[in-house]
Amino acid sequence: MKTRAEIELLVGSLLLRHKVQNPPVPVKDIATLAGLQVVFTQLSGGVSGALLTSNGVSVIAVNESDPPNRRRFSIGHELAHYFLSHSAEQEHLDWQFTVLRRDGKSSEATDAHEIEANYFAASLLMPREFLRKDVAQLARFNGEADLDDKDIKSLARRYEVSQLAMSYRLVSLGLIDPNGRELRNSD
């Protein structure tokens, strides 16, 4: 298991390696350059994404029915499983085929790999340093960055993530007060 600091360092090195300096992070391009094929297809049972590995070849399957922001997050989530070597820790089925998938379980905060993958995806799509710079630019005349719903919506659009994901990330980075703001998804 990796710490949040280790995940942030890994994400930082990925962004540096791929010369990403501004949002939105080209998450699909990062996957492709890592040697992963990204396939958009129908997935059932509330599954948003899956990392499929067979004979050393990995593919990210993404539910084509999901909204674009969700698809981006699913790619980031599956990249986490790949880069954090979660698939190597899973049992292989009889035909040497491993499946790690993103579904309702991944948001329940009960599986350590899923928690880790969600944190990785949030860190990749909404890098800490990018957000700090953008929030500083939104500072009011008194220097405080008291973000309102309009600011969060604007940041979410800029980073191509949901408002809920942006709100959670801003809270986790200490950039907004969780007590003074209701976290909700309005997109």
N, C-alpha and C. Protein backbone atom coordinates (compact mmCIF):
# COMPACT_ATOMS: atom_id res chain seq x y z
N MET A 1 0.85 -1.18 0.00
CA MET A 1 0.00 0.00 0.00
C MET A 1 0.89 1.25 0.00
N LYS A 2 0.46 2.23 -0.74
CA LYS A 2 1.18 3.50 -0.83
C LYS A 2 0.49 4.54 0.07
N THR A 3 1.29 5.47 0.56
CA THR A 3 0.74 6.59 1.31
C THR A 3 0.25 7.63 0.32
N ARG A 4 -0.52 8.58 0.80
CA ARG A 4 -0.97 9.66 -0.08
C ARG A 4 0.21 10.44 -0.63
N ALA A 5 1.22 10.66 0.20
CA ALA A 5 2.41 11.39 -0.26
C ALA A 5 3.11 10.62 -1.38
N GLU A 6 3.20 9.30 -1.25
CA GLU A 6 3.83 8.48 -2.30
C GLU A 6 3.02 8.53 -3.58
N ILE A 7 1.71 8.53 -3.46
CA ILE A 7 0.84 8.62 -4.65
C ILE A 7 1.02 9.97 -5.32
N GLU A 8 1.06 11.05 -4.53
CA GLU A 8 1.26 12.39 -5.09
C GLU A 8 2.60 12.48 -5.82
N LEU A 9 3.64 11.85 -5.26
CA LEU A 9 4.95 11.83 -5.93
C LEU A 9 4.91 11.06 -7.24
N LEU A 10 4.24 9.92 -7.24
CA LEU A 10 4.09 9.13 -8.46
C LEU A 10 3.34 9.92 -9.52
N VAL A 11 2.25 10.55 -9.13
CA VAL A 11 1.47 11.37 -10.07
C VAL A 11 2.33 12.52 -10.59
N GLY A 12 3.07 13.18 -9.70
CA GLY A 12 3.94 14.28 -10.12
C GLY A 12 4.96 13.84 -11.15
N SER A 13 5.53 12.65 -10.96
CA SER A 13 6.51 12.16 -11.93
C SER A 13 5.85 11.82 -13.26
N LEU A 14 4.62 11.30 -13.23
CA LEU A 14 3.88 11.03 -14.47
C LEU A 14 3.62 12.33 -15.24
N LEU A 15 3.18 13.35 -14.52
CA LEU A 15 2.89 14.63 -15.16
C LEU A 15 4.16 15.23 -15.75
N LEU A 16 5.26 15.13 -15.02
CA LEU A 16 6.54 15.64 -15.51
C LEU A 16 7.00 14.87 -16.74
N ARG A 17 6.92 13.54 -16.67
CA ARG A 17 7.34 12.69 -17.79
C ARG A 17 6.54 13.00 -19.05
N HIS A 18 5.27 13.30 -18.88
CA HIS A 18 4.39 13.56 -20.03
C HIS A 18 4.25 15.04 -20.34
N LYS A 19 5.05 15.85 -19.65
CA LYS A 19 5.11 17.30 -19.88
C LYS A 19 3.74 17.98 -19.75
N VAL A 20 2.96 17.54 -18.77
CA VAL A 20 1.65 18.13 -18.52
C VAL A 20 1.85 19.29 -17.55
N GLN A 21 1.49 20.50 -18.01
CA GLN A 21 1.71 21.68 -17.18
C GLN A 21 0.43 22.42 -16.83
N ASN A 22 -0.66 22.04 -17.48
CA ASN A 22 -1.94 22.71 -17.25
C ASN A 22 -3.08 21.71 -17.38
N PRO A 23 -4.19 22.01 -16.73
CA PRO A 23 -5.37 21.16 -16.93
C PRO A 23 -6.03 21.48 -18.26
N PRO A 24 -6.83 20.57 -18.78
CA PRO A 24 -7.11 19.24 -18.26
C PRO A 24 -5.99 18.26 -18.57
N VAL A 25 -5.74 17.35 -17.65
CA VAL A 25 -4.71 16.34 -17.82
C VAL A 25 -5.19 15.35 -18.88
N PRO A 26 -4.35 15.09 -19.89
CA PRO A 26 -4.74 14.16 -20.97
C PRO A 26 -4.62 12.71 -20.52
N VAL A 27 -5.55 12.29 -19.68
CA VAL A 27 -5.46 10.99 -19.02
C VAL A 27 -5.46 9.83 -20.01
N LYS A 28 -6.22 9.92 -21.06
CA LYS A 28 -6.22 8.84 -22.07
C LYS A 28 -4.87 8.75 -22.77
N ASP A 29 -4.27 9.90 -23.08
CA ASP A 29 -2.95 9.91 -23.70
C ASP A 29 -1.90 9.29 -22.78
N ILE A 30 -1.99 9.57 -21.48
CA ILE A 30 -1.04 8.99 -20.52
C ILE A 30 -1.18 7.47 -20.52
N ALA A 31 -2.42 7.00 -20.56
CA ALA A 31 -2.65 5.55 -20.60
C ALA A 31 -2.04 4.95 -21.87
N THR A 32 -2.30 5.59 -23.00
CA THR A 32 -1.80 5.09 -24.28
C THR A 32 -0.28 5.08 -24.30
N LEU A 33 0.34 6.15 -23.82
CA LEU A 33 1.80 6.22 -23.80
C LEU A 33 2.42 5.23 -22.81
N ALA A 34 1.63 4.77 -21.84
CA ALA A 34 2.10 3.74 -20.90
C ALA A 34 1.96 2.35 -21.51
N GLY A 35 1.42 2.28 -22.73
CA GLY A 35 1.27 1.00 -23.40
C GLY A 35 -0.07 0.33 -23.18
N LEU A 36 -1.03 1.08 -22.64
CA LEU A 36 -2.37 0.54 -22.41
C LEU A 36 -3.31 1.00 -23.51
N GLN A 37 -4.12 0.10 -23.96
CA GLN A 37 -5.17 0.46 -24.91
C GLN A 37 -6.39 0.85 -24.09
N VAL A 38 -7.07 1.93 -24.48
CA VAL A 38 -8.30 2.34 -23.82
C VAL A 38 -9.44 2.06 -24.78
N VAL A 39 -10.40 1.24 -24.32
CA VAL A 39 -11.53 0.83 -25.14
C VAL A 39 -12.81 1.31 -24.49
N PHE A 40 -13.64 2.01 -25.26
CA PHE A 40 -14.94 2.46 -24.78
C PHE A 40 -15.98 1.45 -25.25
N THR A 41 -16.71 0.88 -24.30
CA THR A 41 -17.65 -0.19 -24.61
C THR A 41 -18.79 -0.18 -23.60
N GLN A 42 -19.82 -0.97 -23.87
CA GLN A 42 -20.92 -1.12 -22.92
C GLN A 42 -20.47 -2.04 -21.79
N LEU A 43 -20.60 -1.59 -20.56
CA LEU A 43 -20.31 -2.41 -19.39
C LEU A 43 -21.59 -2.46 -18.57
N SER A 44 -21.91 -3.62 -18.06
CA SER A 44 -23.16 -3.77 -17.32
C SER A 44 -22.92 -3.84 -15.82
N GLY A 45 -24.00 -3.88 -15.08
CA GLY A 45 -23.92 -4.04 -13.64
C GLY A 45 -23.36 -2.85 -12.89
N GLY A 46 -23.49 -1.65 -13.44
CA GLY A 46 -22.99 -0.47 -12.78
C GLY A 46 -21.48 -0.32 -12.83
N VAL A 47 -20.83 -1.06 -13.71
CA VAL A 47 -19.38 -1.00 -13.83
C VAL A 47 -19.01 0.19 -14.71
N SER A 48 -18.10 1.04 -14.21
CA SER A 48 -17.66 2.20 -14.97
C SER A 48 -16.38 1.94 -15.74
N GLY A 49 -15.56 1.02 -15.23
CA GLY A 49 -14.31 0.74 -15.90
C GLY A 49 -13.71 -0.55 -15.40
N ALA A 50 -12.74 -1.07 -16.16
CA ALA A 50 -12.06 -2.29 -15.76
C ALA A 50 -10.65 -2.28 -16.36
N LEU A 51 -9.73 -2.84 -15.60
CA LEU A 51 -8.38 -3.07 -16.09
C LEU A 51 -8.30 -4.56 -16.38
N LEU A 52 -8.11 -4.90 -17.65
CA LEU A 52 -8.06 -6.29 -18.08
C LEU A 52 -6.63 -6.62 -18.45
N THR A 53 -6.10 -7.68 -17.86
CA THR A 53 -4.72 -8.08 -18.14
C THR A 53 -4.68 -9.55 -18.52
N SER A 54 -4.05 -9.82 -19.65
CA SER A 54 -3.89 -11.20 -20.10
C SER A 54 -2.56 -11.31 -20.83
N ASN A 55 -1.77 -12.32 -20.45
CA ASN A 55 -0.47 -12.56 -21.09
C ASN A 55 0.40 -11.31 -21.13
N GLY A 56 0.38 -10.53 -20.04
CA GLY A 56 1.23 -9.35 -19.95
C GLY A 56 0.73 -8.14 -20.70
N VAL A 57 -0.45 -8.22 -21.31
CA VAL A 57 -1.03 -7.09 -22.04
C VAL A 57 -2.21 -6.57 -21.24
N SER A 58 -2.24 -5.25 -21.02
CA SER A 58 -3.32 -4.65 -20.25
C SER A 58 -4.14 -3.69 -21.11
N VAL A 59 -5.45 -3.72 -20.87
CA VAL A 59 -6.41 -2.87 -21.57
C VAL A 59 -7.32 -2.24 -20.52
N ILE A 60 -7.63 -0.97 -20.71
CA ILE A 60 -8.61 -0.30 -19.85
C ILE A 60 -9.91 -0.25 -20.62
N ALA A 61 -10.94 -0.88 -20.06
CA ALA A 61 -12.29 -0.82 -20.64
C ALA A 61 -13.07 0.22 -19.86
N VAL A 62 -13.74 1.12 -20.59
CA VAL A 62 -14.49 2.21 -19.97
C VAL A 62 -15.92 2.17 -20.48
N ASN A 63 -16.87 2.35 -19.57
CA ASN A 63 -18.27 2.33 -19.94
C ASN A 63 -18.60 3.54 -20.82
N GLU A 64 -18.92 3.28 -22.08
CA GLU A 64 -19.19 4.36 -23.03
C GLU A 64 -20.48 5.10 -22.70
N SER A 65 -21.33 4.52 -21.85
CA SER A 65 -22.59 5.17 -21.47
C SER A 65 -22.40 6.23 -20.39
N ASP A 66 -21.26 6.21 -19.71
CA ASP A 66 -21.02 7.19 -18.66
C ASP A 66 -20.74 8.56 -19.25
N PRO A 67 -21.02 9.63 -18.49
CA PRO A 67 -20.68 10.98 -18.96
C PRO A 67 -19.16 11.13 -19.12
N PRO A 68 -18.73 12.06 -19.96
CA PRO A 68 -17.29 12.25 -20.22
C PRO A 68 -16.44 12.41 -18.95
N ASN A 69 -16.92 13.19 -17.97
CA ASN A 69 -16.14 13.38 -16.75
C ASN A 69 -15.95 12.06 -16.00
N ARG A 70 -16.98 11.25 -15.95
CA ARG A 70 -16.91 9.94 -15.29
C ARG A 70 -15.94 9.03 -16.04
N ARG A 71 -15.99 9.07 -17.37
CA ARG A 71 -15.07 8.24 -18.16
C ARG A 71 -13.61 8.62 -17.87
N ARG A 72 -13.34 9.93 -17.77
CA ARG A 72 -11.98 10.39 -17.46
C ARG A 72 -11.54 9.88 -16.09
N PHE A 73 -12.44 9.97 -15.11
CA PHE A 73 -12.10 9.50 -13.77
C PHE A 73 -11.87 7.98 -13.79
N SER A 74 -12.68 7.26 -14.54
CA SER A 74 -12.52 5.80 -14.63
C SER A 74 -11.16 5.44 -15.23
N ILE A 75 -10.73 6.16 -16.25
CA ILE A 75 -9.41 5.90 -16.84
C ILE A 75 -8.33 6.16 -15.78
N GLY A 76 -8.44 7.26 -15.06
CA GLY A 76 -7.47 7.56 -14.00
C GLY A 76 -7.46 6.49 -12.93
N HIS A 77 -8.64 6.02 -12.56
CA HIS A 77 -8.79 4.98 -11.54
C HIS A 77 -8.12 3.68 -12.00
N GLU A 78 -8.35 3.30 -13.24
CA GLU A 78 -7.75 2.06 -13.76
C GLU A 78 -6.25 2.22 -13.95
N LEU A 79 -5.80 3.42 -14.31
CA LEU A 79 -4.36 3.68 -14.38
C LEU A 79 -3.72 3.46 -13.01
N ALA A 80 -4.43 3.83 -11.96
CA ALA A 80 -3.91 3.63 -10.61
C ALA A 80 -3.67 2.15 -10.36
N HIS A 81 -4.66 1.32 -10.70
CA HIS A 81 -4.48 -0.12 -10.52
C HIS A 81 -3.24 -0.61 -11.28
N TYR A 82 -3.05 -0.07 -12.47
CA TYR A 82 -1.91 -0.47 -13.30
C TYR A 82 -0.59 0.00 -12.68
N PHE A 83 -0.47 1.31 -12.40
CA PHE A 83 0.78 1.86 -11.89
C PHE A 83 1.09 1.43 -10.46
N LEU A 84 0.07 1.13 -9.69
CA LEU A 84 0.28 0.70 -8.30
C LEU A 84 0.37 -0.82 -8.19
N SER A 85 0.40 -1.48 -9.34
CA SER A 85 0.56 -2.95 -9.43
C SER A 85 -0.48 -3.72 -8.65
N HIS A 86 -1.71 -3.22 -8.62
CA HIS A 86 -2.77 -3.94 -7.95
C HIS A 86 -3.10 -5.25 -8.65
N SER A 87 -2.99 -5.27 -9.98
CA SER A 87 -3.34 -6.49 -10.70
C SER A 87 -2.39 -7.63 -10.37
N ALA A 88 -1.15 -7.30 -10.04
CA ALA A 88 -0.19 -8.34 -9.69
C ALA A 88 -0.57 -9.01 -8.38
N GLU A 89 -1.37 -8.33 -7.56
CA GLU A 89 -1.75 -8.87 -6.27
C GLU A 89 -3.07 -9.64 -6.32
N GLN A 90 -3.76 -9.60 -7.44
CA GLN A 90 -5.04 -10.27 -7.57
C GLN A 90 -4.85 -11.73 -7.99
N GLU A 91 -5.80 -12.56 -7.66
CA GLU A 91 -5.75 -13.94 -8.10
C GLU A 91 -6.05 -14.00 -9.59
N HIS A 92 -5.36 -14.86 -10.27
CA HIS A 92 -5.61 -15.06 -11.70
C HIS A 92 -6.62 -16.19 -11.85
N LEU A 93 -7.53 -16.01 -12.76
CA LEU A 93 -8.48 -17.08 -13.04
C LEU A 93 -7.80 -18.13 -13.89
N ASP A 94 -8.50 -19.20 -14.16
CA ASP A 94 -7.90 -20.35 -14.85
C ASP A 94 -7.21 -19.98 -16.15
N TRP A 95 -7.75 -19.03 -16.89
CA TRP A 95 -7.15 -18.72 -18.18
C TRP A 95 -6.20 -17.52 -18.11
N GLN A 96 -5.61 -17.30 -16.92
CA GLN A 96 -4.63 -16.23 -16.72
C GLN A 96 -5.18 -14.88 -17.15
N PHE A 97 -6.34 -14.56 -16.66
CA PHE A 97 -7.02 -13.33 -17.04
C PHE A 97 -7.43 -12.61 -15.77
N THR A 98 -6.89 -11.41 -15.52
CA THR A 98 -7.19 -10.67 -14.30
C THR A 98 -8.10 -9.50 -14.65
N VAL A 99 -9.11 -9.29 -13.85
CA VAL A 99 -10.02 -8.17 -14.06
C VAL A 99 -10.10 -7.36 -12.78
N LEU A 100 -9.77 -6.08 -12.88
CA LEU A 100 -10.03 -5.13 -11.80
C LEU A 100 -11.03 -4.13 -12.35
N ARG A 101 -12.12 -3.90 -11.65
CA ARG A 101 -13.14 -3.05 -12.23
C ARG A 101 -13.53 -1.92 -11.28
N ARG A 102 -14.05 -0.85 -11.88
CA ARG A 102 -14.53 0.30 -11.12
C ARG A 102 -16.05 0.22 -11.14
N ASP A 103 -16.63 0.08 -9.95
CA ASP A 103 -18.08 0.00 -9.83
C ASP A 103 -18.49 0.63 -8.51
N GLY A 104 -19.69 0.34 -8.04
CA GLY A 104 -20.19 0.92 -6.80
C GLY A 104 -19.30 0.62 -5.61
N LYS A 105 -18.65 -0.54 -5.59
CA LYS A 105 -17.78 -0.92 -4.48
C LYS A 105 -16.61 0.04 -4.34
N SER A 106 -16.13 0.59 -5.45
CA SER A 106 -14.95 1.44 -5.39
C SER A 106 -15.24 2.75 -4.66
N SER A 107 -16.49 3.14 -4.56
CA SER A 107 -16.81 4.40 -3.88
C SER A 107 -17.26 4.19 -2.44
N GLU A 108 -17.30 2.93 -1.99
CA GLU A 108 -17.75 2.64 -0.63
C GLU A 108 -16.69 2.87 0.44
N ALA A 109 -15.44 3.09 0.05
CA ALA A 109 -14.34 3.33 0.97
C ALA A 109 -14.13 2.17 1.93
N THR A 110 -14.27 0.93 1.41
CA THR A 110 -14.05 -0.24 2.25
C THR A 110 -12.88 -1.08 1.75
N ASP A 111 -12.51 -0.98 0.51
CA ASP A 111 -11.42 -1.75 -0.07
C ASP A 111 -10.21 -0.84 -0.22
N ALA A 112 -9.08 -1.22 0.37
CA ALA A 112 -7.89 -0.37 0.38
C ALA A 112 -7.39 -0.05 -1.02
N HIS A 113 -7.43 -1.03 -1.94
CA HIS A 113 -6.99 -0.76 -3.31
C HIS A 113 -7.90 0.25 -4.01
N GLU A 114 -9.19 0.16 -3.75
CA GLU A 114 -10.14 1.09 -4.37
C GLU A 114 -9.96 2.51 -3.82
N ILE A 115 -9.72 2.62 -2.53
CA ILE A 115 -9.47 3.93 -1.92
C ILE A 115 -8.21 4.54 -2.53
N GLU A 116 -7.18 3.72 -2.63
CA GLU A 116 -5.91 4.15 -3.21
C GLU A 116 -6.10 4.59 -4.67
N ALA A 117 -6.86 3.79 -5.44
CA ALA A 117 -7.08 4.11 -6.85
C ALA A 117 -7.89 5.39 -7.02
N ASN A 118 -8.88 5.60 -6.17
CA ASN A 118 -9.66 6.85 -6.24
C ASN A 118 -8.79 8.06 -5.91
N TYR A 119 -7.92 7.92 -4.92
CA TYR A 119 -7.03 9.03 -4.56
C TYR A 119 -6.05 9.31 -5.71
N PHE A 120 -5.52 8.27 -6.32
CA PHE A 120 -4.61 8.43 -7.46
C PHE A 120 -5.33 9.17 -8.60
N ALA A 121 -6.55 8.72 -8.93
CA ALA A 121 -7.30 9.34 -10.03
C ALA A 121 -7.56 10.82 -9.74
N ALA A 122 -7.95 11.14 -8.52
CA ALA A 122 -8.20 12.54 -8.15
C ALA A 122 -6.92 13.35 -8.24
N SER A 123 -5.82 12.77 -7.79
CA SER A 123 -4.53 13.47 -7.83
C SER A 123 -4.05 13.68 -9.26
N LEU A 124 -4.31 12.72 -10.12
CA LEU A 124 -3.90 12.82 -11.52
C LEU A 124 -4.75 13.84 -12.27
N LEU A 125 -6.05 13.79 -12.09
CA LEU A 125 -6.94 14.69 -12.83
C LEU A 125 -6.96 16.11 -12.28
N MET A 126 -6.67 16.23 -10.98
CA MET A 126 -6.69 17.54 -10.31
C MET A 126 -5.42 17.70 -9.50
N PRO A 127 -4.27 17.84 -10.18
CA PRO A 127 -2.99 17.91 -9.47
C PRO A 127 -2.95 19.04 -8.44
N ARG A 128 -2.38 18.71 -7.29
CA ARG A 128 -2.31 19.65 -6.17
C ARG A 128 -1.75 21.01 -6.58
N GLU A 129 -0.60 21.01 -7.25
CA GLU A 129 0.04 22.29 -7.59
C GLU A 129 -0.78 23.09 -8.60
N PHE A 130 -1.43 22.42 -9.54
CA PHE A 130 -2.29 23.11 -10.49
C PHE A 130 -3.43 23.80 -9.75
N LEU A 131 -4.06 23.05 -8.84
CA LEU A 131 -5.20 23.60 -8.10
C LEU A 131 -4.79 24.75 -7.19
N ARG A 132 -3.67 24.61 -6.52
CA ARG A 132 -3.21 25.70 -5.64
C ARG A 132 -3.01 26.97 -6.44
N LYS A 133 -2.43 26.85 -7.62
CA LYS A 133 -2.20 28.02 -8.47
C LYS A 133 -3.54 28.63 -8.92
N ASP A 134 -4.46 27.78 -9.35
CA ASP A 134 -5.76 28.28 -9.80
C ASP A 134 -6.57 28.91 -8.67
N VAL A 135 -6.52 28.30 -7.49
CA VAL A 135 -7.26 28.85 -6.35
C VAL A 135 -6.65 30.19 -5.94
N ALA A 136 -5.33 30.31 -5.99
CA ALA A 136 -4.67 31.58 -5.66
C ALA A 136 -5.11 32.68 -6.61
N GLN A 137 -5.34 32.34 -7.86
CA GLN A 137 -5.80 33.33 -8.84
C GLN A 137 -7.24 33.75 -8.60
N LEU A 138 -8.00 32.92 -7.87
CA LEU A 138 -9.39 33.25 -7.56
C LEU A 138 -9.51 34.03 -6.25
N ALA A 139 -8.39 34.30 -5.59
CA ALA A 139 -8.42 34.99 -4.30
C ALA A 139 -9.12 36.34 -4.42
N ARG A 140 -9.88 36.65 -3.40
CA ARG A 140 -10.62 37.92 -3.36
C ARG A 140 -9.66 39.07 -3.03
N PHE A 141 -10.18 40.26 -3.01
CA PHE A 141 -9.37 41.45 -2.78
C PHE A 141 -8.60 41.39 -1.46
N ASN A 142 -9.10 40.65 -0.47
CA ASN A 142 -8.43 40.56 0.83
C ASN A 142 -7.45 39.39 0.89
N GLY A 143 -7.25 38.71 -0.22
CA GLY A 143 -6.30 37.61 -0.28
C GLY A 143 -6.87 36.25 0.08
N GLU A 144 -8.12 36.21 0.57
CA GLU A 144 -8.74 34.94 0.92
C GLU A 144 -9.33 34.29 -0.32
N ALA A 145 -9.26 32.98 -0.36
CA ALA A 145 -9.83 32.24 -1.48
C ALA A 145 -11.11 31.55 -1.00
N ASP A 146 -12.13 32.34 -0.75
CA ASP A 146 -13.42 31.81 -0.32
C ASP A 146 -14.20 31.43 -1.56
N LEU A 147 -14.03 30.20 -2.00
CA LEU A 147 -14.63 29.77 -3.25
C LEU A 147 -16.13 29.57 -3.10
N ASP A 148 -16.86 30.05 -4.08
CA ASP A 148 -18.30 29.81 -4.09
C ASP A 148 -18.62 28.74 -5.13
N ASP A 149 -19.91 28.41 -5.24
CA ASP A 149 -20.31 27.35 -6.18
C ASP A 149 -19.91 27.66 -7.62
N LYS A 150 -19.97 28.93 -7.98
CA LYS A 150 -19.59 29.34 -9.34
C LYS A 150 -18.11 29.05 -9.59
N ASP A 151 -17.26 29.34 -8.59
CA ASP A 151 -15.83 29.07 -8.72
C ASP A 151 -15.56 27.57 -8.87
N ILE A 152 -16.25 26.77 -8.05
CA ILE A 152 -16.04 25.33 -8.10
C ILE A 152 -16.52 24.77 -9.43
N LYS A 153 -17.63 25.27 -9.92
CA LYS A 153 -18.14 24.84 -11.23
C LYS A 153 -17.15 25.20 -12.33
N SER A 154 -16.58 26.39 -12.25
CA SER A 154 -15.60 26.83 -13.24
C SER A 154 -14.34 25.96 -13.18
N LEU A 155 -13.86 25.65 -11.98
CA LEU A 155 -12.70 24.77 -11.84
C LEU A 155 -13.01 23.37 -12.37
N ALA A 156 -14.19 22.87 -12.07
CA ALA A 156 -14.58 21.53 -12.55
C ALA A 156 -14.57 21.49 -14.08
N ARG A 157 -15.09 22.54 -14.71
CA ARG A 157 -15.07 22.59 -16.18
C ARG A 157 -13.63 22.63 -16.70
N ARG A 158 -12.80 23.45 -16.07
CA ARG A 158 -11.40 23.60 -16.49
C ARG A 158 -10.65 22.26 -16.41
N TYR A 159 -10.91 21.50 -15.37
CA TYR A 159 -10.21 20.23 -15.15
C TYR A 159 -10.95 19.03 -15.77
N GLU A 160 -12.13 19.27 -16.31
CA GLU A 160 -12.97 18.24 -16.93
C GLU A 160 -13.28 17.11 -15.95
N VAL A 161 -13.75 17.52 -14.77
CA VAL A 161 -14.19 16.59 -13.73
C VAL A 161 -15.55 17.05 -13.24
N SER A 162 -16.22 16.23 -12.45
CA SER A 162 -17.51 16.63 -11.90
C SER A 162 -17.30 17.66 -10.78
N GLN A 163 -18.34 18.42 -10.49
CA GLN A 163 -18.27 19.39 -9.40
C GLN A 163 -18.06 18.67 -8.07
N LEU A 164 -18.66 17.51 -7.92
CA LEU A 164 -18.50 16.75 -6.69
C LEU A 164 -17.05 16.32 -6.51
N ALA A 165 -16.44 15.79 -7.57
CA ALA A 165 -15.03 15.38 -7.50
C ALA A 165 -14.15 16.59 -7.16
N MET A 166 -14.43 17.73 -7.79
CA MET A 166 -13.64 18.93 -7.52
C MET A 166 -13.82 19.37 -6.08
N SER A 167 -15.04 19.34 -5.57
CA SER A 167 -15.28 19.74 -4.18
C SER A 167 -14.52 18.85 -3.21
N TYR A 168 -14.59 17.55 -3.42
CA TYR A 168 -13.87 16.62 -2.55
C TYR A 168 -12.36 16.86 -2.60
N ARG A 169 -11.85 17.09 -3.79
CA ARG A 169 -10.40 17.32 -3.92
C ARG A 169 -9.99 18.60 -3.22
N LEU A 170 -10.77 19.66 -3.39
CA LEU A 170 -10.46 20.93 -2.73
C LEU A 170 -10.49 20.78 -1.21
N VAL A 171 -11.45 20.01 -0.70
CA VAL A 171 -11.52 19.75 0.74
C VAL A 171 -10.31 18.95 1.19
N SER A 172 -9.97 17.89 0.44
CA SER A 172 -8.85 17.02 0.85
C SER A 172 -7.52 17.77 0.85
N LEU A 173 -7.42 18.79 0.01
CA LEU A 173 -6.20 19.60 -0.03
C LEU A 173 -6.24 20.77 0.96
N GLY A 174 -7.36 20.90 1.66
CA GLY A 174 -7.50 21.99 2.62
C GLY A 174 -7.72 23.35 1.97
N LEU A 175 -8.20 23.34 0.74
CA LEU A 175 -8.41 24.60 0.01
C LEU A 175 -9.81 25.18 0.21
N ILE A 176 -10.74 24.35 0.68
CA ILE A 176 -12.06 24.85 1.09
C ILE A 176 -12.43 24.16 2.40
N ASP A 177 -13.28 24.80 3.14
CA ASP A 177 -13.73 24.31 4.44
C ASP A 177 -14.88 23.34 4.25
N PRO A 178 -14.74 22.11 4.69
CA PRO A 178 -15.82 21.14 4.50
C PRO A 178 -17.07 21.49 5.32
N ASN A 179 -16.90 22.24 6.39
CA ASN A 179 -18.04 22.58 7.24
C ASN A 179 -18.87 23.72 6.69
N GLY A 180 -18.26 24.56 5.89
CA GLY A 180 -18.97 25.71 5.37
C GLY A 180 -19.59 25.50 4.01
N ARG A 181 -19.47 24.29 3.49
CA ARG A 181 -19.94 24.02 2.14
C ARG A 181 -20.57 22.64 2.07
N GLU A 182 -21.71 22.58 1.45
CA GLU A 182 -22.33 21.26 1.23
C GLU A 182 -21.72 20.65 -0.02
N LEU A 183 -21.21 19.44 0.09
CA LEU A 183 -20.65 18.77 -1.08
C LEU A 183 -21.77 18.05 -1.80
N ARG A 184 -22.01 18.46 -3.01
CA ARG A 184 -23.09 17.83 -3.78
C ARG A 184 -22.68 17.78 -5.24
N ASN A 185 -23.33 16.93 -5.97
CA ASN A 185 -23.04 16.78 -7.39
C ASN A 185 -24.20 17.38 -8.17
N SER A 186 -23.93 18.42 -8.92
CA SER A 186 -25.00 19.05 -9.68
C SER A 186 -24.79 18.92 -11.17
N ASP A 187 -23.87 18.03 -11.59
CA ASP A 187 -23.74 17.82 -13.04
C ASP A 187 -24.03 16.42 -13.41
